[in-house]
Amino acid sequence: MFTFVQLTHFVAVAEELHFGRAAERLRMTQPPLSRQIQLLEKEVGAELFDRSNRTVRLTRAGRAFLVDARRLLQQAERAALAVRRVSDGTGGVLRVGFTGASVHSGLPPVLDTARERLPDVDVELRELVTMDQVEALSEGSLDLGLVRPPIARPDLATRAFVREGLVLALPAGHPLAESGEPVPVAALHGVEMVMHAPVEARYFHQLVTSVLHDAAVIPLVTQYMTQVHSLLALVNLGWGVALVPESATGMRFDNVVYRELPGVAARVELDLVWRQGSENPALARLLAELRHDTFTGSIHT
């Protein structure tokens, strides 16, 4: 089988159509170059050059082989470049998990950073709840997760990433929405509310429950839902109000309006999490790029 060195020598002679100039280009003497071309011709079973009358011309076989030789050398260069990029973290694959609600908060800056600063890294996305992300990270099938805290696993490292407030989502015709003013939590006592599920959405359930408890508020829960967009879909249908992350205001529903909750200090948190000792250089590069970034939501009425 011919070698890439022989292909490089062949392409040089084919482009120069002169063994002496090709040898100078390759920084070698002419006899070993001629010997390499002869070995290549023997390997492929055809004469690649017509050397008659002190001229060098490509034969028909040589012209056909030149196309493939250039293609193979280009592919080899691309392969070498890809390996170098994987090694230094500017290439390769990064598998990122995210929760449904993080589509409007933590995920956009992660994707924007990867696209702008690591354009040769292929990002593979998986939508998973926090518990499933934790398991996937431990198993090595994810490189980075966007999860709700706390994560108490010795094999995983975490970093605070997004901090945002809670807002109140209401049907557009709801009495509490008419004034357009912020709505105190105390006004939600006895009000129909769509609530986060206590098990599947434990983080949000505990957070919202604590806010209501601190204000001595007992709402009338109409449904329990797992995902924020599902809560908002029911609010849109008039099934009640809901407390949601501020970034959820980016989910536009025709019949949903958002109001601030004055005096509520609770913050919705989203963390970056990854496996300790990960050997993916692209992960290290992305984490370094995100090191000083902090993100918050913004309310739209």
C-alpha atoms as a PDB file:
ATOM      1  CA  MET A   1       0.000   0.000   0.000  1.00  0.00           C
ATOM      2  CA  PHE A   2       1.280   3.458  -0.868  1.00  0.00           C
ATOM      3  CA  THR A   3       2.031   5.994   1.844  1.00  0.00           C
ATOM      4  CA  PHE A   4       0.993   9.599   2.377  1.00  0.00           C
ATOM      5  CA  VAL A   5       4.648  10.566   1.855  1.00  0.00           C
ATOM      6  CA  GLN A   6       4.496   9.021  -1.618  1.00  0.00           C
ATOM      7  CA  LEU A   7       1.248  10.864  -2.314  1.00  0.00           C
ATOM      8  CA  THR A   8       2.869  14.136  -1.267  1.00  0.00           C
ATOM      9  CA  HIS A   9       5.808  13.447  -3.600  1.00  0.00           C
ATOM     10  CA  PHE A  10       3.495  12.521  -6.462  1.00  0.00           C
ATOM     11  CA  VAL A  11       1.420  15.692  -6.110  1.00  0.00           C
ATOM     12  CA  ALA A  12       4.554  17.847  -6.056  1.00  0.00           C
ATOM     13  CA  VAL A  13       5.871  16.297  -9.293  1.00  0.00           C
ATOM     14  CA  ALA A  14       2.409  16.469 -10.892  1.00  0.00           C
ATOM     15  CA  GLU A  15       2.122  20.177 -10.098  1.00  0.00           C
ATOM     16  CA  GLU A  16       5.704  21.079 -11.097  1.00  0.00           C
ATOM     17  CA  LEU A  17       5.961  18.631 -14.025  1.00  0.00           C
ATOM     18  CA  HIS A  18       9.667  18.665 -13.298  1.00  0.00           C
ATOM     19  CA  PHE A  19      11.520  16.302 -10.958  1.00  0.00           C
ATOM     20  CA  GLY A  20      14.241  18.811 -10.143  1.00  0.00           C
ATOM     21  CA  ARG A  21      11.846  21.603  -9.136  1.00  0.00           C
ATOM     22  CA  ALA A  22       9.658  19.138  -7.222  1.00  0.00           C
ATOM     23  CA  ALA A  23      12.726  17.911  -5.311  1.00  0.00           C
ATOM     24  CA  GLU A  24      13.655  21.486  -4.386  1.00  0.00           C
ATOM     25  CA  ARG A  25      10.076  22.124  -3.260  1.00  0.00           C
ATOM     26  CA  LEU A  26      10.207  19.026  -1.082  1.00  0.00           C
ATOM     27  CA  ARG A  27      13.713  19.878   0.153  1.00  0.00           C
ATOM     28  CA  MET A  28      15.212  16.621  -0.997  1.00  0.00           C
ATOM     29  CA  THR A  29      17.450  15.408  -3.810  1.00  0.00           C
ATOM     30  CA  GLN A  30      16.103  14.124  -7.096  1.00  0.00           C
ATOM     31  CA  PRO A  31      17.210  10.427  -7.025  1.00  0.00           C
ATOM     32  CA  PRO A  32      15.199   9.443  -3.887  1.00  0.00           C
ATOM     33  CA  LEU A  33      12.217  11.375  -5.262  1.00  0.00           C
ATOM     34  CA  SER A  34      12.368   9.430  -8.523  1.00  0.00           C
ATOM     35  CA  ARG A  35      12.667   6.215  -6.536  1.00  0.00           C
ATOM     36  CA  GLN A  36       9.527   7.051  -4.502  1.00  0.00           C
ATOM     37  CA  ILE A  37       7.538   7.736  -7.664  1.00  0.00           C
ATOM     38  CA  GLN A  38       8.672   4.428  -9.145  1.00  0.00           C
ATOM     39  CA  LEU A  39       7.592   2.592  -5.986  1.00  0.00           C
ATOM     40  CA  LEU A  40       4.239   4.350  -6.126  1.00  0.00           C
ATOM     41  CA  GLU A  41       3.715   3.385  -9.763  1.00  0.00           C
ATOM     42  CA  LYS A  42       4.565  -0.198  -8.910  1.00  0.00           C
ATOM     43  CA  GLU A  43       2.084  -0.124  -6.027  1.00  0.00           C
ATOM     44  CA  VAL A  44      -0.814   1.244  -8.091  1.00  0.00           C
ATOM     45  CA  GLY A  45       0.073  -0.868 -11.138  1.00  0.00           C
ATOM     46  CA  ALA A  46       0.210   1.965 -13.673  1.00  0.00           C
ATOM     47  CA  GLU A  47       2.609   4.563 -15.031  1.00  0.00           C
ATOM     48  CA  LEU A  48       1.667   7.971 -13.675  1.00  0.00           C
ATOM     49  CA  PHE A  49       4.118  10.084 -15.685  1.00  0.00           C
ATOM     50  CA  ASP A  50       5.272  10.111 -19.283  1.00  0.00           C
ATOM     51  CA  ARG A  51       8.996  10.889 -19.093  1.00  0.00           C
ATOM     52  CA  SER A  52       9.781  10.851 -22.860  1.00  0.00           C
ATOM     53  CA  ASN A  53      11.677  13.568 -24.733  1.00  0.00           C
ATOM     54  CA  ARG A  54      13.104  15.052 -21.525  1.00  0.00           C
ATOM     55  CA  THR A  55       9.644  16.279 -20.510  1.00  0.00           C
ATOM     56  CA  VAL A  56       7.412  15.163 -17.719  1.00  0.00           C
ATOM     57  CA  ARG A  57       3.683  14.833 -18.354  1.00  0.00           C
ATOM     58  CA  LEU A  58       0.897  13.137 -16.494  1.00  0.00           C
ATOM     59  CA  THR A  59      -0.477  10.043 -18.148  1.00  0.00           C
ATOM     60  CA  ARG A  60      -4.228   9.504 -18.283  1.00  0.00           C
ATOM     61  CA  ALA A  61      -3.900   7.309 -15.198  1.00  0.00           C
ATOM     62  CA  GLY A  62      -1.804   9.992 -13.518  1.00  0.00           C
ATOM     63  CA  ARG A  63      -4.429  12.677 -14.122  1.00  0.00           C
ATOM     64  CA  ALA A  64      -7.124  10.472 -12.598  1.00  0.00           C
ATOM     65  CA  PHE A  65      -4.901   9.552  -9.652  1.00  0.00           C
ATOM     66  CA  LEU A  66      -4.035  13.201  -8.972  1.00  0.00           C
ATOM     67  CA  VAL A  67      -7.665  13.977  -8.108  1.00  0.00           C
ATOM     68  CA  ASP A  68      -7.784  11.194  -5.530  1.00  0.00           C
ATOM     69  CA  ALA A  69      -4.300  11.942  -4.199  1.00  0.00           C
ATOM     70  CA  ARG A  70      -5.221  15.542  -3.435  1.00  0.00           C
ATOM     71  CA  ARG A  71      -8.478  14.468  -1.823  1.00  0.00           C
ATOM     72  CA  LEU A  72      -6.704  11.915   0.401  1.00  0.00           C
ATOM     73  CA  LEU A  73      -4.094  14.446   1.501  1.00  0.00           C
ATOM     74  CA  GLN A  74      -6.797  17.004   2.294  1.00  0.00           C
ATOM     75  CA  GLN A  75      -8.723  14.426   4.313  1.00  0.00           C
ATOM     76  CA  ALA A  76      -5.580  13.484   6.207  1.00  0.00           C
ATOM     77  CA  GLU A  77      -4.909  17.149   7.015  1.00  0.00           C
ATOM     78  CA  ARG A  78      -8.496  17.655   8.182  1.00  0.00           C
ATOM     79  CA  ALA A  79      -8.231  14.537  10.352  1.00  0.00           C
ATOM     80  CA  ALA A  80      -5.001  15.773  11.916  1.00  0.00           C
ATOM     81  CA  LEU A  81      -6.539  19.195  12.512  1.00  0.00           C
ATOM     82  CA  ALA A  82      -9.606  17.604  14.123  1.00  0.00           C
ATOM     83  CA  VAL A  83      -7.400  15.584  16.463  1.00  0.00           C
ATOM     84  CA  ARG A  84      -5.472  18.697  17.474  1.00  0.00           C
ATOM     85  CA  ARG A  85      -8.735  20.556  18.135  1.00  0.00           C
ATOM     86  CA  VAL A  86     -10.069  17.722  20.270  1.00  0.00           C
ATOM     87  CA  SER A  87      -6.812  17.629  22.206  1.00  0.00           C
ATOM     88  CA  ASP A  88      -6.827  21.365  22.997  1.00  0.00           C
ATOM     89  CA  GLY A  89     -10.576  21.577  23.570  1.00  0.00           C
ATOM     90  CA  THR A  90     -11.433  23.667  20.504  1.00  0.00           C
ATOM     91  CA  GLY A  91     -13.022  20.685  18.745  1.00  0.00           C
ATOM     92  CA  GLY A  92     -14.772  17.431  19.543  1.00  0.00           C
ATOM     93  CA  VAL A  93     -18.205  16.757  21.010  1.00  0.00           C
ATOM     94  CA  LEU A  94     -19.864  18.232  24.097  1.00  0.00           C
ATOM     95  CA  ARG A  95     -23.008  16.526  25.410  1.00  0.00           C
ATOM     96  CA  VAL A  96     -25.163  18.982  27.345  1.00  0.00           C
ATOM     97  CA  GLY A  97     -28.232  18.196  29.426  1.00  0.00           C
ATOM     98  CA  PHE A  98     -30.851  20.787  30.352  1.00  0.00           C
ATOM     99  CA  THR A  99     -34.186  21.072  32.114  1.00  0.00           C
ATOM    100  CA  GLY A 100     -37.231  22.300  30.209  1.00  0.00           C
ATOM    101  CA  ALA A 101     -37.356  25.606  32.072  1.00  0.00           C
ATOM    102  CA  SER A 102     -33.662  26.327  31.418  1.00  0.00           C
ATOM    103  CA  VAL A 103     -34.395  26.766  27.713  1.00  0.00           C
ATOM    104  CA  HIS A 104     -35.245  30.374  28.587  1.00  0.00           C
ATOM    105  CA  SER A 105     -32.494  30.995  31.146  1.00  0.00           C
ATOM    106  CA  GLY A 106     -29.261  28.994  31.347  1.00  0.00           C
ATOM    107  CA  LEU A 107     -29.230  27.172  28.028  1.00  0.00           C
ATOM    108  CA  PRO A 108     -29.093  30.204  25.671  1.00  0.00           C
ATOM    109  CA  PRO A 109     -25.858  31.671  27.120  1.00  0.00           C
ATOM    110  CA  VAL A 110     -24.234  28.221  27.137  1.00  0.00           C
ATOM    111  CA  LEU A 111     -25.088  27.690  23.470  1.00  0.00           C
ATOM    112  CA  ASP A 112     -24.132  31.242  22.518  1.00  0.00           C
ATOM    113  CA  THR A 113     -20.755  30.870  24.228  1.00  0.00           C
ATOM    114  CA  ALA A 114     -20.096  27.507  22.579  1.00  0.00           C
ATOM    115  CA  ARG A 115     -21.081  28.840  19.157  1.00  0.00           C
ATOM    116  CA  GLU A 116     -19.044  32.040  19.399  1.00  0.00           C
ATOM    117  CA  ARG A 117     -15.921  30.840  21.208  1.00  0.00           C
ATOM    118  CA  LEU A 118     -15.804  27.110  20.379  1.00  0.00           C
ATOM    119  CA  PRO A 119     -17.280  26.977  16.866  1.00  0.00           C
ATOM    120  CA  ASP A 120     -15.641  23.641  16.003  1.00  0.00           C
ATOM    121  CA  VAL A 121     -17.164  21.822  18.991  1.00  0.00           C
ATOM    122  CA  ASP A 122     -20.282  19.818  18.172  1.00  0.00           C
ATOM    123  CA  VAL A 123     -22.903  20.296  20.904  1.00  0.00           C
ATOM    124  CA  GLU A 124     -25.381  17.462  21.498  1.00  0.00           C
ATOM    125  CA  LEU A 125     -28.425  18.445  23.581  1.00  0.00           C
ATOM    126  CA  ARG A 126     -30.610  16.259  25.810  1.00  0.00           C
ATOM    127  CA  GLU A 127     -33.662  17.524  27.687  1.00  0.00           C
ATOM    128  CA  LEU A 128     -33.764  15.760  31.062  1.00  0.00           C
ATOM    129  CA  VAL A 129     -35.046  16.512  34.549  1.00  0.00           C
ATOM    130  CA  THR A 130     -32.376  17.153  37.174  1.00  0.00           C
ATOM    131  CA  MET A 131     -32.372  13.620  38.612  1.00  0.00           C
ATOM    132  CA  ASP A 132     -31.895  12.044  35.176  1.00  0.00           C
ATOM    133  CA  GLN A 133     -29.095  14.470  34.349  1.00  0.00           C
ATOM    134  CA  VAL A 134     -27.288  13.559  37.554  1.00  0.00           C
ATOM    135  CA  GLU A 135     -27.413   9.865  36.667  1.00  0.00           C
ATOM    136  CA  ALA A 136     -26.301  10.502  33.088  1.00  0.00           C
ATOM    137  CA  LEU A 137     -23.359  12.594  34.291  1.00  0.00           C
ATOM    138  CA  SER A 138     -22.285   9.902  36.740  1.00  0.00           C
ATOM    139  CA  GLU A 139     -22.512   7.263  33.994  1.00  0.00           C
ATOM    140  CA  GLY A 140     -20.492   9.401  31.601  1.00  0.00           C
ATOM    141  CA  SER A 141     -23.212   9.810  28.961  1.00  0.00           C
ATOM    142  CA  LEU A 142     -23.371  13.587  29.596  1.00  0.00           C
ATOM    143  CA  ASP A 143     -20.520  16.078  29.869  1.00  0.00           C
ATOM    144  CA  LEU A 144     -22.361  19.069  31.313  1.00  0.00           C
ATOM    145  CA  GLY A 145     -25.732  19.561  32.963  1.00  0.00           C
ATOM    146  CA  LEU A 146     -27.993  22.508  33.759  1.00  0.00           C
ATOM    147  CA  VAL A 147     -29.735  21.446  36.957  1.00  0.00           C
ATOM    148  CA  ARG A 148     -31.590  22.661  40.020  1.00  0.00           C
ATOM    149  CA  PRO A 149     -29.623  22.532  43.291  1.00  0.00           C
ATOM    150  CA  PRO A 150     -28.630  21.071  45.577  1.00  0.00           C
ATOM    151  CA  ILE A 151     -26.501  18.291  44.100  1.00  0.00           C
ATOM    152  CA  ALA A 152     -24.765  16.330  46.838  1.00  0.00           C
ATOM    153  CA  ARG A 153     -22.707  13.806  44.880  1.00  0.00           C
ATOM    154  CA  PRO A 154     -18.964  13.420  45.510  1.00  0.00           C
ATOM    155  CA  ASP A 155     -18.347  12.439  41.884  1.00  0.00           C
ATOM    156  CA  LEU A 156     -19.905  15.650  40.559  1.00  0.00           C
ATOM    157  CA  ALA A 157     -18.772  19.282  40.653  1.00  0.00           C
ATOM    158  CA  THR A 158     -21.195  22.204  40.544  1.00  0.00           C
ATOM    159  CA  ARG A 159     -21.074  25.921  39.909  1.00  0.00           C
ATOM    160  CA  ALA A 160     -23.802  28.521  40.413  1.00  0.00           C
ATOM    161  CA  PHE A 161     -24.853  29.844  37.032  1.00  0.00           C
ATOM    162  CA  VAL A 162     -28.275  31.535  36.930  1.00  0.00           C
ATOM    163  CA  ARG A 163     -30.089  33.396  39.707  1.00  0.00           C
ATOM    164  CA  GLU A 164     -33.483  34.912  39.011  1.00  0.00           C
ATOM    165  CA  GLY A 165     -36.654  35.890  40.813  1.00  0.00           C
ATOM    166  CA  LEU A 166     -40.176  34.500  40.796  1.00  0.00           C
ATOM    167  CA  VAL A 167     -43.046  36.211  39.011  1.00  0.00           C
ATOM    168  CA  LEU A 168     -46.781  35.640  39.007  1.00  0.00           C
ATOM    169  CA  ALA A 169     -48.417  34.343  35.833  1.00  0.00           C
ATOM    170  CA  LEU A 170     -52.150  35.061  35.538  1.00  0.00           C
ATOM    171  CA  PRO A 171     -54.899  34.649  32.953  1.00  0.00           C
ATOM    172  CA  ALA A 172     -55.306  37.995  31.188  1.00  0.00           C
ATOM    173  CA  GLY A 173     -58.834  38.536  32.552  1.00  0.00           C
ATOM    174  CA  HIS A 174     -57.993  37.616  36.157  1.00  0.00           C
ATOM    175  CA  PRO A 175     -59.039  40.228  38.770  1.00  0.00           C
ATOM    176  CA  LEU A 176     -55.468  40.424  40.133  1.00  0.00           C
ATOM    177  CA  ALA A 177     -54.199  41.288  36.657  1.00  0.00           C
ATOM    178  CA  GLU A 178     -56.529  44.211  35.959  1.00  0.00           C
ATOM    179  CA  SER A 179     -54.540  47.002  37.602  1.00  0.00           C
ATOM    180  CA  GLY A 180     -51.245  46.115  35.959  1.00  0.00           C
ATOM    181  CA  GLU A 181     -49.513  46.644  39.323  1.00  0.00           C
ATOM    182  CA  PRO A 182     -47.299  44.177  41.223  1.00  0.00           C
ATOM    183  CA  VAL A 183     -49.287  41.596  43.195  1.00  0.00           C
ATOM    184  CA  PRO A 184     -48.375  40.891  46.842  1.00  0.00           C
ATOM    185  CA  VAL A 185     -48.183  37.222  47.763  1.00  0.00           C
ATOM    186  CA  ALA A 186     -50.816  37.764  50.463  1.00  0.00           C
ATOM    187  CA  ALA A 187     -53.365  38.452  47.710  1.00  0.00           C
ATOM    188  CA  LEU A 188     -53.069  34.807  46.570  1.00  0.00           C
ATOM    189  CA  HIS A 189     -54.818  33.376  49.661  1.00  0.00           C
ATOM    190  CA  GLY A 190     -57.713  31.221  48.484  1.00  0.00           C
ATOM    191  CA  VAL A 191     -56.931  31.934  44.812  1.00  0.00           C
ATOM    192  CA  GLU A 192     -57.004  29.093  42.287  1.00  0.00           C
ATOM    193  CA  MET A 193     -53.410  28.111  41.499  1.00  0.00           C
ATOM    194  CA  VAL A 194     -51.630  25.659  39.224  1.00  0.00           C
ATOM    195  CA  MET A 195     -48.826  24.164  41.316  1.00  0.00           C
ATOM    196  CA  HIS A 196     -45.513  22.416  40.649  1.00  0.00           C
ATOM    197  CA  ALA A 197     -45.645  18.665  41.268  1.00  0.00           C
ATOM    198  CA  PRO A 198     -44.195  17.760  44.712  1.00  0.00           C
ATOM    199  CA  VAL A 199     -42.046  14.857  43.439  1.00  0.00           C
ATOM    200  CA  GLU A 200     -41.264  15.364  39.751  1.00  0.00           C
ATOM    201  CA  ALA A 201     -40.777  19.143  40.217  1.00  0.00           C
ATOM    202  CA  ARG A 202     -39.598  18.992  43.826  1.00  0.00           C
ATOM    203  CA  TYR A 203     -37.237  21.962  43.606  1.00  0.00           C
ATOM    204  CA  PHE A 204     -39.910  24.370  42.365  1.00  0.00           C
ATOM    205  CA  HIS A 205     -42.566  22.868  44.632  1.00  0.00           C
ATOM    206  CA  GLN A 206     -40.462  23.444  47.745  1.00  0.00           C
ATOM    207  CA  LEU A 207     -39.463  26.944  46.657  1.00  0.00           C
ATOM    208  CA  VAL A 208     -43.019  28.098  45.898  1.00  0.00           C
ATOM    209  CA  THR A 209     -44.409  26.393  48.996  1.00  0.00           C
ATOM    210  CA  SER A 210     -41.906  28.257  51.187  1.00  0.00           C
ATOM    211  CA  VAL A 211     -42.874  31.596  49.615  1.00  0.00           C
ATOM    212  CA  LEU A 212     -46.563  30.913  50.248  1.00  0.00           C
ATOM    213  CA  HIS A 213     -45.902  29.642  53.768  1.00  0.00           C
ATOM    214  CA  ASP A 214     -43.910  32.729  54.711  1.00  0.00           C
ATOM    215  CA  ALA A 215     -46.893  34.867  53.700  1.00  0.00           C
ATOM    216  CA  ALA A 216     -49.398  32.569  55.492  1.00  0.00           C
ATOM    217  CA  VAL A 217     -51.082  31.946  52.125  1.00  0.00           C
ATOM    218  CA  ILE A 218     -53.081  28.820  51.316  1.00  0.00           C
ATOM    219  CA  PRO A 219     -54.127  28.792  47.653  1.00  0.00           C
ATOM    220  CA  LEU A 220     -56.711  26.556  46.024  1.00  0.00           C
ATOM    221  CA  VAL A 221     -54.575  24.177  43.959  1.00  0.00           C
ATOM    222  CA  THR A 222     -56.347  23.074  40.775  1.00  0.00           C
ATOM    223  CA  GLN A 223     -53.598  20.943  39.186  1.00  0.00           C
ATOM    224  CA  TYR A 224     -50.041  19.761  39.792  1.00  0.00           C
ATOM    225  CA  MET A 225     -47.696  19.889  36.791  1.00  0.00           C
ATOM    226  CA  THR A 226     -44.067  18.914  36.187  1.00  0.00           C
ATOM    227  CA  GLN A 227     -42.876  21.431  33.600  1.00  0.00           C
ATOM    228  CA  VAL A 228     -43.111  25.229  33.674  1.00  0.00           C
ATOM    229  CA  HIS A 229     -44.501  25.416  30.145  1.00  0.00           C
ATOM    230  CA  SER A 230     -47.276  23.016  31.192  1.00  0.00           C
ATOM    231  CA  LEU A 231     -48.187  25.290  34.115  1.00  0.00           C
ATOM    232  CA  LEU A 232     -48.352  28.265  31.791  1.00  0.00           C
ATOM    233  CA  ALA A 233     -50.474  26.348  29.301  1.00  0.00           C
ATOM    234  CA  LEU A 234     -53.044  25.753  32.067  1.00  0.00           C
ATOM    235  CA  VAL A 235     -52.826  29.397  33.162  1.00  0.00           C
ATOM    236  CA  ASN A 236     -53.501  30.305  29.550  1.00  0.00           C
ATOM    237  CA  LEU A 237     -56.652  28.146  29.713  1.00  0.00           C
ATOM    238  CA  GLY A 238     -57.824  29.912  32.869  1.00  0.00           C
ATOM    239  CA  TRP A 239     -57.165  27.124  35.366  1.00  0.00           C
ATOM    240  CA  GLY A 240     -55.521  29.463  37.847  1.00  0.00           C
ATOM    241  CA  VAL A 241     -52.408  31.501  38.524  1.00  0.00           C
ATOM    242  CA  ALA A 242     -48.849  30.171  38.902  1.00  0.00           C
ATOM    243  CA  LEU A 243     -45.525  31.240  40.352  1.00  0.00           C
ATOM    244  CA  VAL A 244     -42.812  30.755  37.721  1.00  0.00           C
ATOM    245  CA  PRO A 245     -39.174  31.790  37.132  1.00  0.00           C
ATOM    246  CA  GLU A 246     -38.709  35.273  35.739  1.00  0.00           C
ATOM    247  CA  SER A 247     -37.174  33.860  32.564  1.00  0.00           C
ATOM    248  CA  ALA A 248     -40.476  32.085  31.850  1.00  0.00           C
ATOM    249  CA  THR A 249     -41.844  35.444  30.718  1.00  0.00           C
ATOM    250  CA  GLY A 250     -40.156  34.590  27.440  1.00  0.00           C
ATOM    251  CA  MET A 251     -42.833  31.929  26.902  1.00  0.00           C
ATOM    252  CA  ARG A 252     -45.532  33.903  25.142  1.00  0.00           C
ATOM    253  CA  PHE A 253     -49.126  32.791  25.582  1.00  0.00           C
ATOM    254  CA  ASP A 254     -52.058  34.806  24.221  1.00  0.00           C
ATOM    255  CA  ASN A 255     -53.968  34.746  27.511  1.00  0.00           C
ATOM    256  CA  VAL A 256     -51.122  34.986  30.035  1.00  0.00           C
ATOM    257  CA  VAL A 257     -49.790  38.146  31.697  1.00  0.00           C
ATOM    258  CA  TYR A 258     -46.997  38.452  34.249  1.00  0.00           C
ATOM    259  CA  ARG A 259     -46.821  40.530  37.404  1.00  0.00           C
ATOM    260  CA  GLU A 260     -43.995  41.177  39.850  1.00  0.00           C
ATOM    261  CA  LEU A 261     -44.159  39.824  43.403  1.00  0.00           C
ATOM    262  CA  PRO A 262     -42.968  42.625  45.724  1.00  0.00           C
ATOM    263  CA  GLY A 263     -41.040  41.623  48.803  1.00  0.00           C
ATOM    264  CA  VAL A 264     -40.220  38.093  47.637  1.00  0.00           C
ATOM    265  CA  ALA A 265     -36.532  37.459  48.251  1.00  0.00           C
ATOM    266  CA  ALA A 266     -36.523  33.832  47.066  1.00  0.00           C
ATOM    267  CA  ARG A 267     -34.438  33.161  43.987  1.00  0.00           C
ATOM    268  CA  VAL A 268     -34.685  30.420  41.404  1.00  0.00           C
ATOM    269  CA  GLU A 269     -31.277  28.823  40.993  1.00  0.00           C
ATOM    270  CA  LEU A 270     -29.747  26.921  38.099  1.00  0.00           C
ATOM    271  CA  ASP A 271     -26.324  25.309  38.401  1.00  0.00           C
ATOM    272  CA  LEU A 272     -23.761  23.929  36.021  1.00  0.00           C
ATOM    273  CA  VAL A 273     -22.763  20.398  36.971  1.00  0.00           C
ATOM    274  CA  TRP A 274     -20.137  18.047  35.529  1.00  0.00           C
ATOM    275  CA  ARG A 275     -18.283  14.891  36.451  1.00  0.00           C
ATOM    276  CA  GLN A 276     -15.146  15.276  38.562  1.00  0.00           C
ATOM    277  CA  GLY A 277     -12.046  14.391  36.596  1.00  0.00           C
ATOM    278  CA  SER A 278     -13.724  14.660  33.192  1.00  0.00           C
ATOM    279  CA  GLU A 279     -11.190  14.126  30.410  1.00  0.00           C
ATOM    280  CA  ASN A 280     -13.131  16.061  27.754  1.00  0.00           C
ATOM    281  CA  PRO A 281     -10.965  19.119  26.888  1.00  0.00           C
ATOM    282  CA  ALA A 282     -13.964  20.862  25.284  1.00  0.00           C
ATOM    283  CA  LEU A 283     -15.729  20.838  28.659  1.00  0.00           C
ATOM    284  CA  ALA A 284     -12.765  22.500  30.352  1.00  0.00           C
ATOM    285  CA  ARG A 285     -12.648  25.164  27.631  1.00  0.00           C
ATOM    286  CA  LEU A 286     -16.376  25.895  27.883  1.00  0.00           C
ATOM    287  CA  LEU A 287     -16.289  26.101  31.682  1.00  0.00           C
ATOM    288  CA  ALA A 288     -13.360  28.502  31.431  1.00  0.00           C
ATOM    289  CA  GLU A 289     -15.294  30.688  28.984  1.00  0.00           C
ATOM    290  CA  LEU A 290     -18.322  30.699  31.309  1.00  0.00           C
ATOM    291  CA  ARG A 291     -16.299  31.296  34.480  1.00  0.00           C
ATOM    292  CA  HIS A 292     -17.170  34.943  34.941  1.00  0.00           C
ATOM    293  CA  ASP A 293     -20.688  34.893  33.468  1.00  0.00           C
ATOM    294  CA  THR A 294     -23.770  35.486  35.608  1.00  0.00           C
ATOM    295  CA  PHE A 295     -27.281  35.603  34.192  1.00  0.00           C
ATOM    296  CA  THR A 296     -30.666  36.809  35.402  1.00  0.00           C
ATOM    297  CA  GLY A 297     -34.146  37.016  33.953  1.00  0.00           C
ATOM    298  CA  SER A 298     -36.214  40.056  32.997  1.00  0.00           C
ATOM    299  CA  ILE A 299     -39.952  40.591  33.288  1.00  0.00           C
ATOM    300  CA  HIS A 300     -42.275  41.366  30.379  1.00  0.00           C
ATOM    301  CA  THR A 301     -45.839  42.456  31.050  1.00  0.00           C
END
